[in-house]
Amino acid sequence: MALSELQCRRLDEKLAARSGVMSLQYLVHLQSSSGAAELAELIDAITVQKTELFRDESQLAVLRSCVLEPMVALLRRPLRLWSAGCATGEEVATLLVLLAEVGADPSSTVLGTDISETAIARARELCFTSEQMQRVQPGVRDRWFMPVGGGRFTLVAHLKERASFLCHNLMDLPYPMAAEGQGFDVILCRNVLIYFTPESFERVVDSLAGRLAPEGLLVLSAAEPLLRAPPCLRTVRFDQAFFYARAQPSAPSTEGVAPGNVRTPSSSGLPAVGARPSSGSGRFPAVGSSGSFPAVPAKMEAPSGFPQGDATPHEADVLFAQVLEWAAGDNASPQTAEKLRRCLELDPDLAAARYLLGMLLEQRGSLAEAAAEYRRALRSLEEGRARATPFYLNNARLQVACARAIERVERASGSTPPR
């Protein structure tokens, strides 16, 4: 992890009460069975365990409509999902509900893993407060949750049985495997990698890709586009989300691949997306072994802050949508940066465009310029001037990503002492 200043302070406070913490003997103690509880306490001091059920609803809507429903229809077997970095179990419960809602085989399973023993202990209960349930629609809550008093709700028993939990550090090998040594159909690792160093980010993505089934998908948060997509992954583009599919050995063939058009992974690390279909619809039909998967439902509402109905989109929004289409490969980078700057001339508070421009500059090694763009994006988000966009839907998460990016590039440039 690339610890933030707040995480460092929390860790320092825990260590201040201990003697001999800078010694090799103390490290050996933490790695021993007698030091396990103490190590768990230190881990809890630096891990983020606050989350909600059905977080980032638009991304989940695409996952349901364009991935899970087609997988249920085509694979006709139990699905195997993994929530890597599951915190206290909210995402595991969300996935179990989604599987039930799409009629997945009753033997479908969800694995939840986290580095924190404390978080995993709570996750196993699959019991949540009203605050954690605030995004759950009343009908969904009534179907799949039971009130247990004190404003808390627990997942129904027959869904709980499909969950399993494991304490796992994403830096440790080997990674978990699905039942009978199979790969996972979907791995979610959302809002985890923004806390990692670039080297750890790449290592984890590569390891997660190795645990995907041949037709499997890796789901990251919108604020975590791959800086360097490994050759084993290709990008799948939908109107409201990017996913990463395991690349097939035979590149020309699209038989038996995961949802989405075949995309060549971008060595630039930006989402590798293809050209717009000739229909001009802006949707990318997904290709599968038995025909086409459905595109994002047309009835999906535009997010708050984006033009509704028949309103003419702001020119900056149109340009930003084009950038997401063009951001494929190193040759597109100069044009992409130019168009992003044009977006920001039209709307200086289009924080998503500024964040993406910061990523491009960071990738090129222009760390001072990258930090400046990240700071400006963060300022517009903090002051409430930034509008949501169809891809970066969650401005709160984008704000965290900007703050982490600033610390990352400052440390890389030597302007902030490493911890």
Protein backbone atom coordinates (compact mmCIF):
# COMPACT_ATOMS: atom_id res chain seq x y z
CA MET A 1 0.00 0.00 0.00
CA ALA A 2 1.02 3.60 -0.63
CA LEU A 3 0.08 4.92 2.79
CA SER A 4 -1.55 8.34 2.97
CA GLU A 5 -0.49 10.87 5.58
CA LEU A 6 -3.62 10.01 7.58
CA GLN A 7 -2.78 6.30 7.48
CA CYS A 8 0.79 7.04 8.53
CA ARG A 9 -0.44 9.06 11.50
CA ARG A 10 -2.78 6.26 12.55
CA LEU A 11 0.04 3.75 12.31
CA ASP A 12 2.43 6.02 14.20
CA GLU A 13 -0.11 6.41 16.99
CA LYS A 14 -0.40 2.63 17.35
CA LEU A 15 3.37 2.14 17.30
CA ALA A 16 4.08 4.98 19.75
CA ALA A 17 2.68 2.92 22.61
CA ARG A 18 5.02 0.02 21.86
CA SER A 19 8.68 -0.37 22.68
CA GLY A 20 11.35 -1.65 20.32
CA VAL A 21 9.13 -1.23 17.25
CA MET A 22 12.09 -0.32 15.00
CA SER A 23 13.89 -3.57 15.71
CA LEU A 24 14.15 -6.69 13.61
CA GLN A 25 12.90 -8.66 16.61
CA TYR A 26 9.62 -6.74 16.53
CA LEU A 27 9.09 -7.59 12.86
CA VAL A 28 9.78 -11.25 13.61
CA HIS A 29 7.29 -11.04 16.47
CA LEU A 30 4.58 -9.64 14.16
CA GLN A 31 5.11 -12.50 11.74
CA SER A 32 4.80 -15.12 14.47
CA SER A 33 1.65 -16.69 15.86
CA SER A 34 2.12 -14.80 19.13
CA GLY A 35 2.14 -11.48 17.28
CA ALA A 36 -0.84 -12.21 15.00
CA ALA A 37 -3.32 -10.21 17.09
CA GLU A 38 -0.96 -7.24 17.26
CA LEU A 39 -0.37 -7.36 13.51
CA ALA A 40 -4.14 -7.48 12.93
CA GLU A 41 -4.52 -4.34 15.05
CA LEU A 42 -1.91 -2.50 12.98
CA ILE A 43 -3.58 -3.63 9.75
CA ASP A 44 -6.93 -2.34 10.99
CA ALA A 45 -5.33 1.05 11.61
CA ILE A 46 -4.48 1.51 7.92
CA THR A 47 -7.28 -0.31 6.09
CA VAL A 48 -10.48 1.32 4.86
CA GLN A 49 -13.51 -0.69 5.92
CA LYS A 50 -16.38 1.71 5.25
CA THR A 51 -18.66 0.72 2.36
CA GLU A 52 -22.30 0.14 1.44
CA LEU A 53 -24.46 -2.39 -0.33
CA PHE A 54 -25.09 -1.66 -4.03
CA ARG A 55 -22.31 0.91 -4.17
CA ASP A 56 -21.83 2.47 -7.63
CA GLU A 57 -25.27 1.39 -8.80
CA SER A 58 -24.80 2.22 -12.49
CA GLN A 59 -21.75 -0.01 -12.78
CA LEU A 60 -23.67 -2.78 -11.02
CA ALA A 61 -26.61 -2.28 -13.39
CA VAL A 62 -24.30 -2.94 -16.34
CA LEU A 63 -22.76 -5.93 -14.57
CA ARG A 64 -26.21 -7.39 -14.06
CA SER A 65 -27.69 -6.68 -17.52
CA CYS A 66 -24.66 -7.19 -19.73
CA VAL A 67 -22.65 -9.80 -17.84
CA LEU A 68 -24.53 -11.84 -15.25
CA GLU A 69 -27.78 -12.29 -17.15
CA PRO A 70 -26.00 -13.43 -20.36
CA MET A 71 -23.70 -15.73 -18.36
CA VAL A 72 -26.69 -17.36 -16.67
CA ALA A 73 -28.39 -17.89 -20.04
CA LEU A 74 -25.33 -19.15 -21.93
CA LEU A 75 -23.15 -21.01 -19.45
CA ARG A 76 -26.00 -22.89 -17.75
CA ARG A 77 -23.93 -23.80 -14.72
CA PRO A 78 -23.22 -22.37 -11.27
CA LEU A 79 -21.34 -19.08 -11.43
CA ARG A 80 -18.25 -18.40 -9.31
CA LEU A 81 -17.66 -14.82 -8.15
CA TRP A 82 -14.91 -13.31 -5.98
CA SER A 83 -15.00 -10.01 -4.09
CA ALA A 84 -11.32 -9.19 -3.49
CA GLY A 85 -11.07 -6.62 -0.73
CA CYS A 86 -14.61 -7.26 0.52
CA ALA A 87 -14.26 -5.24 3.77
CA THR A 88 -17.22 -6.10 6.02
CA GLY A 89 -19.18 -8.06 3.42
CA GLU A 90 -21.41 -5.49 1.74
CA GLU A 91 -20.19 -6.32 -1.75
CA VAL A 92 -20.54 -10.06 -1.12
CA ALA A 93 -24.17 -9.57 -0.10
CA THR A 94 -24.75 -7.35 -3.14
CA LEU A 95 -23.40 -10.02 -5.49
CA LEU A 96 -25.45 -12.76 -3.86
CA VAL A 97 -28.58 -10.67 -4.35
CA LEU A 98 -27.70 -9.93 -7.97
CA LEU A 99 -27.18 -13.63 -8.66
CA ALA A 100 -30.55 -14.42 -7.10
CA GLU A 101 -32.27 -11.64 -9.05
CA VAL A 102 -30.96 -12.91 -12.41
CA GLY A 103 -31.93 -16.51 -11.64
CA ALA A 104 -28.45 -17.96 -11.35
CA ASP A 105 -28.03 -21.63 -10.49
CA PRO A 106 -28.65 -22.09 -6.73
CA SER A 107 -25.15 -23.58 -6.41
CA SER A 108 -23.54 -20.32 -7.53
CA THR A 109 -21.07 -18.98 -4.97
CA VAL A 110 -19.38 -15.75 -3.89
CA LEU A 111 -16.01 -15.67 -2.15
CA GLY A 112 -15.09 -12.64 -0.07
CA THR A 113 -11.48 -11.92 0.93
CA ASP A 114 -9.83 -9.10 2.84
CA ILE A 115 -6.50 -8.48 4.56
CA SER A 116 -8.26 -7.57 7.83
CA GLU A 117 -9.25 -10.40 10.15
CA THR A 118 -11.57 -8.00 11.96
CA ALA A 119 -13.37 -7.11 8.73
CA ILE A 120 -13.71 -10.76 7.71
CA ALA A 121 -15.17 -11.66 11.11
CA ARG A 122 -17.87 -9.03 10.62
CA ALA A 123 -18.39 -9.99 6.97
CA ARG A 124 -19.22 -13.58 7.88
CA GLU A 125 -22.31 -12.35 9.72
CA LEU A 126 -23.74 -10.76 6.55
CA CYS A 127 -25.72 -8.46 8.81
CA PHE A 128 -25.96 -4.74 8.08
CA THR A 129 -27.15 -1.45 9.55
CA SER A 130 -29.80 0.77 8.01
CA GLU A 131 -27.04 3.14 6.91
CA GLN A 132 -25.27 0.36 5.01
CA MET A 133 -28.62 -0.61 3.46
CA GLN A 134 -29.56 2.88 2.27
CA ARG A 135 -29.01 2.10 -1.44
CA VAL A 136 -31.06 -1.12 -1.33
CA GLN A 137 -34.48 -0.71 -2.96
CA PRO A 138 -37.41 -1.59 -0.65
CA GLY A 139 -38.55 -4.49 -2.85
CA VAL A 140 -35.06 -5.96 -2.99
CA ARG A 141 -34.69 -5.55 0.78
CA ASP A 142 -38.01 -7.29 1.44
CA ARG A 143 -37.12 -10.23 -0.83
CA TRP A 144 -33.60 -10.95 0.35
CA PHE A 145 -33.12 -9.50 3.84
CA MET A 146 -34.64 -10.16 7.25
CA PRO A 147 -34.92 -7.53 10.01
CA VAL A 148 -33.15 -8.63 13.19
CA GLY A 149 -33.89 -5.65 15.42
CA GLY A 150 -31.98 -2.52 16.25
CA GLY A 151 -32.33 -1.26 12.70
CA ARG A 152 -30.20 -4.12 11.35
CA PHE A 153 -30.92 -6.54 8.51
CA THR A 154 -29.42 -9.93 7.72
CA LEU A 155 -29.27 -11.73 4.39
CA VAL A 156 -31.73 -14.61 4.06
CA ALA A 157 -30.28 -17.98 5.06
CA HIS A 158 -30.30 -19.68 1.66
CA LEU A 159 -28.20 -16.86 0.19
CA LYS A 160 -25.84 -16.79 3.17
CA GLU A 161 -25.06 -20.45 2.46
CA ARG A 162 -23.59 -19.48 -0.90
CA ALA A 163 -20.96 -17.18 0.65
CA SER A 164 -17.50 -18.07 1.90
CA PHE A 165 -14.83 -15.85 3.42
CA LEU A 166 -11.07 -15.94 3.67
CA CYS A 167 -8.45 -13.62 5.11
CA HIS A 168 -6.06 -12.93 2.24
CA ASN A 169 -3.40 -10.34 1.52
CA LEU A 170 -3.32 -9.46 -2.19
CA MET A 171 0.48 -9.37 -1.94
CA ASP A 172 0.55 -13.06 -0.98
CA LEU A 173 0.68 -15.99 -3.38
CA PRO A 174 -1.02 -18.23 -4.19
CA TYR A 175 -4.32 -16.51 -4.81
CA PRO A 176 -7.60 -18.27 -3.92
CA MET A 177 -9.18 -20.57 -6.47
CA ALA A 178 -12.82 -21.33 -7.10
CA ALA A 179 -14.35 -24.70 -6.32
CA GLU A 180 -12.61 -27.71 -7.83
CA GLY A 181 -9.68 -25.58 -8.97
CA GLN A 182 -11.73 -23.66 -11.51
CA GLY A 183 -11.35 -20.01 -12.44
CA PHE A 184 -13.73 -17.28 -11.32
CA ASP A 185 -16.37 -16.02 -13.75
CA VAL A 186 -16.27 -12.52 -12.26
CA ILE A 187 -13.70 -10.97 -9.92
CA LEU A 188 -14.50 -7.61 -8.36
CA CYS A 189 -11.65 -5.59 -6.88
CA ARG A 190 -13.21 -2.16 -6.57
CA ASN A 191 -11.81 0.83 -4.73
CA VAL A 192 -8.84 -1.24 -3.53
CA LEU A 193 -6.06 -0.59 -6.03
CA ILE A 194 -6.18 3.20 -5.59
CA TYR A 195 -4.42 2.56 -2.27
CA PHE A 196 -1.57 0.60 -3.89
CA THR A 197 1.77 1.62 -5.31
CA PRO A 198 1.95 1.42 -9.13
CA GLU A 199 4.13 -1.69 -8.90
CA SER A 200 1.71 -3.43 -6.55
CA PHE A 201 -1.22 -2.31 -8.74
CA GLU A 202 0.25 -4.06 -11.78
CA ARG A 203 1.22 -7.16 -9.83
CA VAL A 204 -2.26 -7.58 -8.36
CA VAL A 205 -4.03 -7.06 -11.70
CA ASP A 206 -1.82 -9.68 -13.33
CA SER A 207 -2.47 -12.14 -10.47
CA LEU A 208 -6.22 -11.53 -10.52
CA ALA A 209 -6.30 -12.06 -14.29
CA GLY A 210 -4.63 -15.43 -13.75
CA ARG A 211 -7.57 -16.51 -11.58
CA LEU A 212 -10.24 -15.72 -14.19
CA ALA A 213 -12.11 -18.44 -16.03
CA PRO A 214 -11.58 -18.42 -19.82
CA GLU A 215 -14.71 -16.31 -20.23
CA GLY A 216 -14.24 -14.36 -16.99
CA LEU A 217 -14.32 -10.63 -16.28
CA LEU A 218 -12.34 -8.42 -13.90
CA VAL A 219 -14.28 -5.47 -12.48
CA LEU A 220 -12.38 -2.45 -11.13
CA SER A 221 -13.87 0.84 -10.03
CA ALA A 222 -14.25 3.68 -12.54
CA ALA A 223 -11.40 5.50 -10.80
CA GLU A 224 -8.99 2.61 -11.39
CA PRO A 225 -8.42 2.30 -15.17
CA LEU A 226 -5.42 0.14 -15.84
CA LEU A 227 -2.15 2.02 -16.13
CA ARG A 228 -0.65 -0.92 -17.99
CA ALA A 229 -3.11 -3.56 -19.14
CA PRO A 230 -1.33 -6.94 -19.15
CA PRO A 231 -1.47 -8.92 -22.41
CA CYS A 232 -3.78 -11.44 -20.77
CA LEU A 233 -6.59 -8.85 -20.49
CA ARG A 234 -8.64 -6.89 -22.99
CA THR A 235 -11.00 -4.01 -22.28
CA VAL A 236 -14.76 -4.39 -22.68
CA ARG A 237 -16.61 -1.10 -23.13
CA PHE A 238 -20.23 -0.40 -22.26
CA ASP A 239 -21.92 2.99 -22.09
CA GLN A 240 -21.73 3.19 -18.32
CA ALA A 241 -18.73 1.03 -17.45
CA PHE A 242 -15.44 -0.57 -18.47
CA PHE A 243 -14.68 -4.19 -17.58
CA TYR A 244 -11.59 -6.28 -18.31
CA ALA A 245 -11.98 -9.67 -19.95
CA ARG A 246 -9.49 -12.48 -20.04
CA ALA A 247 -7.95 -12.44 -23.52
CA GLN A 248 -8.29 -15.58 -25.56
CA PRO A 249 -5.16 -17.29 -26.96
CA SER A 250 -6.45 -17.04 -30.53
CA ALA A 251 -6.87 -13.30 -31.00
CA PRO A 252 -8.77 -13.36 -34.35
CA SER A 253 -11.53 -15.56 -32.93
CA THR A 254 -14.38 -14.27 -30.78
CA GLU A 255 -15.75 -17.68 -29.93
CA GLY A 256 -16.35 -18.38 -26.25
CA VAL A 257 -15.15 -15.03 -25.00
CA ALA A 258 -16.62 -12.92 -22.25
CA PRO A 259 -19.21 -10.20 -22.90
CA GLY A 260 -18.09 -7.31 -25.06
CA ASN A 261 -16.41 -6.67 -28.39
CA VAL A 262 -12.84 -7.90 -28.75
CA ARG A 263 -10.47 -5.08 -27.85
CA THR A 264 -6.72 -4.94 -28.12
CA PRO A 265 -5.35 -4.16 -24.65
CA SER A 266 -3.85 -0.70 -24.46
CA SER A 267 -0.15 -0.61 -23.69
CA SER A 268 -0.72 2.97 -22.59
CA GLY A 269 -2.80 1.69 -19.73
CA LEU A 270 -5.86 3.69 -20.77
CA PRO A 271 -9.11 1.84 -21.50
CA ALA A 272 -8.59 0.18 -24.87
CA VAL A 273 -11.83 0.82 -26.72
CA GLY A 274 -12.75 0.37 -30.34
CA ALA A 275 -14.42 2.47 -32.98
CA ARG A 276 -18.05 3.50 -32.73
CA PRO A 277 -20.43 1.18 -34.61
CA SER A 278 -21.68 2.48 -37.93
CA SER A 279 -25.19 2.72 -36.48
CA GLY A 280 -24.01 5.67 -34.44
CA SER A 281 -25.82 4.35 -31.39
CA GLY A 282 -22.74 4.57 -29.22
CA ARG A 283 -23.39 1.10 -27.79
CA PHE A 284 -21.06 -1.85 -28.14
CA PRO A 285 -22.89 -5.14 -28.69
CA ALA A 286 -21.24 -7.91 -26.71
CA VAL A 287 -20.18 -11.04 -28.54
CA GLY A 288 -20.49 -14.48 -26.97
CA SER A 289 -20.19 -18.12 -27.94
CA SER A 290 -23.89 -18.38 -28.70
CA GLY A 291 -24.66 -15.02 -30.22
CA SER A 292 -24.88 -11.48 -28.95
CA PHE A 293 -25.29 -10.35 -25.40
CA PRO A 294 -27.64 -7.41 -24.85
CA ALA A 295 -26.19 -3.93 -24.78
CA VAL A 296 -26.79 -1.56 -21.89
CA PRO A 297 -30.57 -1.14 -21.56
CA ALA A 298 -31.79 1.96 -23.35
CA LYS A 299 -34.08 2.74 -20.44
CA MET A 300 -31.13 3.28 -18.10
CA GLU A 301 -31.43 6.84 -16.84
CA ALA A 302 -28.62 9.34 -17.26
CA PRO A 303 -26.86 10.10 -13.98
CA SER A 304 -27.49 13.22 -11.99
CA GLY A 305 -25.71 16.23 -13.48
CA PHE A 306 -25.75 14.87 -17.03
CA PRO A 307 -28.21 16.19 -19.66
CA GLN A 308 -31.55 14.41 -19.38
CA GLY A 309 -34.11 13.43 -22.00
CA ASP A 310 -33.71 15.09 -25.38
CA ALA A 311 -31.49 17.89 -24.09
CA THR A 312 -28.45 18.63 -26.26
CA PRO A 313 -25.32 17.47 -24.40
CA HIS A 314 -22.75 20.08 -23.55
CA GLU A 315 -19.89 20.11 -26.06
CA ALA A 316 -17.47 19.18 -23.32
CA ASP A 317 -19.47 16.06 -22.53
CA VAL A 318 -19.50 15.08 -26.20
CA LEU A 319 -15.75 15.54 -26.46
CA PHE A 320 -15.16 13.56 -23.28
CA ALA A 321 -17.29 10.70 -24.63
CA GLN A 322 -15.16 10.76 -27.79
CA VAL A 323 -12.00 10.65 -25.72
CA LEU A 324 -13.18 7.42 -24.12
CA GLU A 325 -13.71 6.05 -27.65
CA TRP A 326 -10.28 7.12 -28.89
CA ALA A 327 -8.16 6.19 -25.91
CA ALA A 328 -6.69 3.06 -27.46
CA GLY A 329 -2.95 2.57 -27.70
CA ASP A 330 0.04 4.87 -27.47
CA ASN A 331 -0.63 6.49 -30.84
CA ALA A 332 -3.89 7.93 -29.52
CA SER A 333 -2.28 9.58 -26.52
CA PRO A 334 -1.32 12.95 -28.12
CA GLN A 335 -4.81 13.34 -29.60
CA THR A 336 -6.37 12.21 -26.35
CA ALA A 337 -4.47 14.80 -24.31
CA GLU A 338 -5.37 17.52 -26.84
CA LYS A 339 -9.07 16.66 -26.68
CA LEU A 340 -9.02 16.50 -22.89
CA ARG A 341 -7.53 19.98 -22.75
CA ARG A 342 -10.25 21.16 -25.13
CA CYS A 343 -12.85 19.60 -22.81
CA LEU A 344 -11.39 21.57 -19.94
CA GLU A 345 -11.40 24.82 -21.92
CA LEU A 346 -15.14 24.31 -22.37
CA ASP A 347 -15.72 23.16 -18.80
CA PRO A 348 -12.83 23.69 -16.36
CA ASP A 349 -14.73 21.73 -13.71
CA LEU A 350 -15.08 18.51 -15.71
CA ALA A 351 -13.09 16.68 -13.04
CA ALA A 352 -13.23 13.30 -14.78
CA ALA A 353 -11.49 14.75 -17.84
CA ARG A 354 -8.90 16.46 -15.66
CA TYR A 355 -8.23 13.23 -13.75
CA LEU A 356 -7.75 11.33 -17.02
CA LEU A 357 -5.41 14.05 -18.28
CA GLY A 358 -3.42 13.71 -15.05
CA MET A 359 -3.13 9.96 -15.70
CA LEU A 360 -1.80 10.59 -19.21
CA LEU A 361 0.78 13.08 -17.94
CA GLU A 362 1.81 10.73 -15.12
CA GLN A 363 2.21 7.91 -17.62
CA ARG A 364 4.53 10.11 -19.72
CA GLY A 365 6.62 10.98 -16.69
CA SER A 366 5.43 14.61 -16.49
CA LEU A 367 4.86 14.29 -12.76
CA ALA A 368 4.68 18.01 -11.88
CA GLU A 369 2.06 18.63 -14.57
CA ALA A 370 0.15 15.52 -13.52
CA ALA A 371 0.08 16.65 -9.90
CA ALA A 372 -1.21 20.06 -10.95
CA GLU A 373 -4.10 18.51 -12.89
CA TYR A 374 -4.95 16.15 -10.05
CA ARG A 375 -4.98 19.10 -7.62
CA ARG A 376 -7.30 21.14 -9.82
CA ALA A 377 -9.64 18.17 -10.20
CA LEU A 378 -9.61 17.60 -6.46
CA ARG A 379 -10.36 21.26 -5.76
CA SER A 380 -13.41 21.28 -8.05
CA LEU A 381 -14.66 18.09 -6.42
CA GLU A 382 -14.12 19.36 -2.88
CA GLU A 383 -15.87 22.64 -3.65
CA GLY A 384 -18.84 20.88 -5.26
CA ARG A 385 -18.35 22.43 -8.70
CA ALA A 386 -17.61 19.20 -10.56
CA ARG A 387 -20.42 17.55 -12.50
CA ALA A 388 -20.88 13.82 -12.62
CA THR A 389 -20.25 12.17 -15.99
CA PRO A 390 -21.68 8.94 -17.41
CA PHE A 391 -18.47 6.99 -16.80
CA TYR A 392 -17.03 8.47 -13.59
CA LEU A 393 -20.38 8.39 -11.86
CA ASN A 394 -19.22 8.56 -8.28
CA ASN A 395 -17.60 11.91 -7.56
CA ALA A 396 -16.87 10.89 -3.96
CA ARG A 397 -14.73 7.99 -5.14
CA LEU A 398 -13.09 10.17 -7.79
CA GLN A 399 -12.19 12.64 -5.05
CA VAL A 400 -10.41 9.88 -3.11
CA ALA A 401 -8.64 8.75 -6.29
CA CYS A 402 -7.40 12.30 -6.97
CA ALA A 403 -6.08 12.67 -3.43
CA ARG A 404 -4.26 9.35 -3.67
CA ALA A 405 -2.84 10.26 -7.09
CA ILE A 406 -1.45 13.53 -5.74
CA GLU A 407 0.39 11.73 -2.96
CA ARG A 408 1.63 9.08 -5.39
CA VAL A 409 3.15 11.48 -7.91
CA GLU A 410 4.59 13.74 -5.21
CA ARG A 411 6.42 10.81 -3.68
CA ALA A 412 7.56 9.61 -7.09
CA SER A 413 8.96 13.06 -7.85
CA GLY A 414 10.65 13.30 -4.45
CA SER A 415 8.66 16.32 -3.30
CA THR A 416 7.18 14.33 -0.41
CA PRO A 417 9.35 12.07 1.77
CA PRO A 418 8.50 8.35 1.32
CA ARG A 419 7.07 6.51 4.32
